[in-house]
Amino acid sequence: MNNNDYQDECARTETDDYGPVLERLTVEQIEHARSAIAASAKNGIAADEIKKNLFYGRPFDQVEPGPLTGYQLGVGAANLEKLEPAKVRLLHHTLGLAGECGEIVNLTGDHLFGGKPLDKTKVMEECGDLLWYMAGLLDTVGLDFGVTMERNIAKLRARYPQKFGLEQGSDERDDKAERAALEGQ
């Protein structure tokens, strides 16, 4: 699957009418969204600083990652000896994804809530970087980018068949059908 086909197929599953969403939005909901965007940007920027320090030798700026939860608690440096080159590469691409997401969230947050004009060239740059880290992550774990795009669309077809003209959709997700699509079945 090529990138244009993928983008077109993804667009099918996006809502085509944001009017009802706008009508029911409250100030409190917008403030929650702004707060979530700010937190995501902060954590993404922290991940980017950590990545730059680990992989490029740059000194840390002020890095204050968000609180750890679940499996993250207690993992820390105790597992350092278990890292091997493939896992370090995976760490690099994972931190890169988080960092680039933080930069994209920061750009759009500045536009949405800070009144700044949206710099489309910067958005393209950061999305390109995001794609680079995605490609690297997929390669690290032995997955193909094109196959990943195709299977994602197959999953979306299983989730939203009506948006692809296949059948009437349901409000219930079929996790088994989506999993089968992702596994290429």
Protein backbone atom coordinates (compact mmCIF):
# COMPACT_ATOMS: atom_id res chain seq x y z
CA MET A 1 0.00 0.00 0.00
CA ASN A 2 1.36 3.41 -0.82
CA ASN A 3 1.15 6.39 1.48
CA ASN A 4 -1.53 8.23 -0.54
CA ASP A 5 -3.82 5.20 -0.58
CA TYR A 6 -3.24 4.78 3.14
CA GLN A 7 -4.08 8.41 3.88
CA ASP A 8 -7.24 8.18 1.75
CA GLU A 9 -8.35 4.96 3.44
CA CYS A 10 -7.69 6.43 6.91
CA ALA A 11 -9.79 9.48 6.04
CA ARG A 12 -12.80 7.20 5.47
CA THR A 13 -12.93 6.34 9.17
CA GLU A 14 -12.73 9.93 10.38
CA THR A 15 -15.98 11.65 11.19
CA ASP A 16 -17.20 13.85 8.38
CA ASP A 17 -19.20 16.17 10.59
CA TYR A 18 -17.67 17.86 13.60
CA GLY A 19 -20.72 20.12 14.00
CA PRO A 20 -22.45 17.97 16.65
CA VAL A 21 -19.19 17.73 18.59
CA LEU A 22 -18.87 21.51 18.58
CA GLU A 23 -22.45 21.92 19.76
CA ARG A 24 -21.95 19.77 22.85
CA LEU A 25 -18.49 21.01 23.87
CA THR A 26 -18.29 22.76 27.21
CA VAL A 27 -15.66 25.14 28.56
CA GLU A 28 -14.68 22.45 31.07
CA GLN A 29 -14.13 19.91 28.28
CA ILE A 30 -12.00 22.36 26.33
CA GLU A 31 -9.95 23.07 29.46
CA HIS A 32 -9.44 19.31 29.98
CA ALA A 33 -8.29 19.02 26.36
CA ARG A 34 -5.90 21.95 26.78
CA SER A 35 -4.52 20.42 29.96
CA ALA A 36 -4.05 17.01 28.30
CA ILE A 37 -2.28 18.62 25.34
CA ALA A 38 0.01 20.54 27.68
CA ALA A 39 0.84 17.38 29.67
CA SER A 40 1.45 15.38 26.48
CA ALA A 41 3.72 18.07 25.10
CA LYS A 42 5.66 18.24 28.38
CA ASN A 43 6.16 14.48 28.52
CA GLY A 44 7.06 14.28 24.83
CA ILE A 45 9.62 17.03 25.20
CA ALA A 46 11.06 15.25 28.26
CA ALA A 47 11.33 12.02 26.23
CA ASP A 48 13.09 13.96 23.47
CA GLU A 49 15.62 15.41 25.93
CA ILE A 50 16.30 11.95 27.38
CA LYS A 51 16.74 10.50 23.86
CA LYS A 52 19.15 13.28 22.90
CA ASN A 53 21.18 12.67 26.05
CA LEU A 54 21.29 8.88 25.70
CA PHE A 55 21.88 8.59 21.97
CA TYR A 56 23.51 11.86 20.93
CA GLY A 57 25.43 12.80 24.07
CA ARG A 58 23.67 16.12 24.52
CA PRO A 59 23.39 17.44 28.08
CA PHE A 60 20.04 17.33 29.79
CA ASP A 61 18.01 20.48 29.89
CA GLN A 62 15.36 20.58 32.59
CA VAL A 63 13.67 17.21 32.26
CA GLU A 64 10.71 16.48 34.46
CA PRO A 65 8.97 13.37 33.16
CA GLY A 66 5.42 12.76 34.28
CA PRO A 67 4.47 10.27 36.97
CA LEU A 68 5.09 6.59 36.31
CA THR A 69 2.24 4.12 36.46
CA GLY A 70 1.62 0.39 36.21
CA TYR A 71 4.49 -1.67 34.84
CA GLN A 72 6.74 1.39 34.82
CA LEU A 73 7.01 1.49 38.59
CA GLY A 74 10.13 -0.22 39.85
CA VAL A 75 11.54 -1.12 36.44
CA GLY A 76 14.29 1.50 36.21
CA ALA A 77 18.00 0.89 36.06
CA ALA A 78 17.76 -2.62 37.53
CA ASN A 79 17.03 -3.89 34.00
CA LEU A 80 19.97 -2.08 32.39
CA GLU A 81 22.06 -5.25 32.22
CA LYS A 82 19.26 -6.95 30.24
CA LEU A 83 19.50 -4.46 27.37
CA GLU A 84 21.00 -5.70 24.11
CA PRO A 85 21.59 -3.74 20.88
CA ALA A 86 18.12 -4.49 19.45
CA LYS A 87 16.50 -3.29 22.68
CA VAL A 88 18.62 -0.14 22.71
CA ARG A 89 17.51 0.50 19.11
CA LEU A 90 13.90 -0.09 20.19
CA LEU A 91 14.41 2.36 23.07
CA HIS A 92 15.83 4.94 20.66
CA HIS A 93 12.86 4.73 18.32
CA THR A 94 10.34 4.62 21.17
CA LEU A 95 11.78 7.76 22.76
CA GLY A 96 11.95 9.35 19.31
CA LEU A 97 8.25 8.67 18.73
CA ALA A 98 7.35 10.14 22.11
CA GLY A 99 9.53 13.18 21.49
CA GLU A 100 8.16 13.86 18.02
CA CYS A 101 4.59 13.40 19.25
CA GLY A 102 5.35 15.93 21.97
CA GLU A 103 6.66 18.39 19.39
CA ILE A 104 3.57 17.94 17.19
CA VAL A 105 1.25 18.28 20.18
CA ASN A 106 3.13 21.41 21.26
CA LEU A 107 2.83 22.96 17.77
CA THR A 108 -0.89 22.31 17.51
CA GLY A 109 -1.49 23.30 21.14
CA ASP A 110 0.23 26.63 20.53
CA HIS A 111 -2.04 27.12 17.54
CA LEU A 112 -5.28 25.95 19.18
CA PHE A 113 -4.83 27.53 22.59
CA GLY A 114 -2.00 30.03 22.24
CA GLY A 115 -3.25 31.89 19.19
CA LYS A 116 -0.09 31.24 17.19
CA PRO A 117 -0.33 30.65 13.44
CA LEU A 118 0.10 27.00 12.48
CA ASP A 119 3.48 26.51 10.79
CA LYS A 120 2.64 23.81 8.22
CA THR A 121 6.30 23.41 7.25
CA LYS A 122 7.15 22.65 10.88
CA VAL A 123 4.19 20.24 11.11
CA MET A 124 5.47 18.47 7.98
CA GLU A 125 8.99 18.33 9.44
CA GLU A 126 7.83 16.83 12.74
CA CYS A 127 5.45 14.38 11.05
CA GLY A 128 8.31 13.33 8.79
CA ASP A 129 10.48 12.74 11.86
CA LEU A 130 7.62 10.78 13.41
CA LEU A 131 7.43 8.60 10.29
CA TRP A 132 11.21 8.06 10.45
CA TYR A 133 10.97 6.78 14.02
CA MET A 134 7.94 4.64 13.11
CA ALA A 135 9.86 3.07 10.22
CA GLY A 136 12.81 2.40 12.50
CA LEU A 137 10.64 0.88 15.21
CA LEU A 138 8.84 -1.35 12.70
CA ASP A 139 12.17 -2.45 11.22
CA THR A 140 13.59 -3.13 14.69
CA VAL A 141 10.78 -5.56 15.50
CA GLY A 142 10.75 -7.10 12.00
CA LEU A 143 7.59 -5.51 10.61
CA ASP A 144 7.08 -3.91 7.20
CA PHE A 145 5.69 -0.37 6.98
CA GLY A 146 3.50 -1.14 3.95
CA VAL A 147 2.09 -4.31 5.51
CA THR A 148 1.44 -2.35 8.73
CA MET A 149 -0.53 0.27 6.76
CA GLU A 150 -2.50 -2.42 4.91
CA ARG A 151 -3.34 -4.31 8.09
CA ASN A 152 -4.34 -1.13 9.87
CA ILE A 153 -6.83 -0.42 7.08
CA ALA A 154 -8.05 -4.03 7.26
CA LYS A 155 -8.62 -3.51 11.00
CA LEU A 156 -10.49 -0.27 10.31
CA ARG A 157 -12.63 -2.05 7.68
CA ALA A 158 -13.52 -4.64 10.34
CA ARG A 159 -14.31 -1.89 12.85
CA TYR A 160 -16.16 0.48 10.50
CA PRO A 161 -17.45 -1.61 7.56
CA GLN A 162 -20.17 0.93 6.79
CA LYS A 163 -17.56 3.61 6.09
CA PHE A 164 -16.10 1.38 3.37
CA GLY A 165 -19.52 0.53 1.89
CA LEU A 166 -19.24 -3.06 3.09
CA GLU A 167 -22.19 -3.44 5.44
CA GLN A 168 -24.09 -1.67 8.15
CA GLY A 169 -21.89 -1.03 11.14
CA SER A 170 -22.47 -1.79 14.76
CA ASP A 171 -21.86 0.13 17.95
CA GLU A 172 -20.06 -2.98 19.25
CA ARG A 173 -16.42 -3.53 18.31
CA ASP A 174 -15.43 -7.01 17.21
CA ASP A 175 -11.99 -7.31 18.80
CA LYS A 176 -11.49 -10.82 17.36
CA ALA A 177 -12.19 -9.64 13.80
CA GLU A 178 -9.87 -6.66 14.28
CA ARG A 179 -7.11 -8.92 15.66
CA ALA A 180 -7.54 -11.32 12.74
CA ALA A 181 -7.23 -8.43 10.29
CA LEU A 182 -4.04 -7.24 12.01
CA GLU A 183 -2.63 -10.77 11.79
CA GLY A 184 -3.39 -10.87 8.06
CA GLN A 185 -6.13 -13.47 8.26
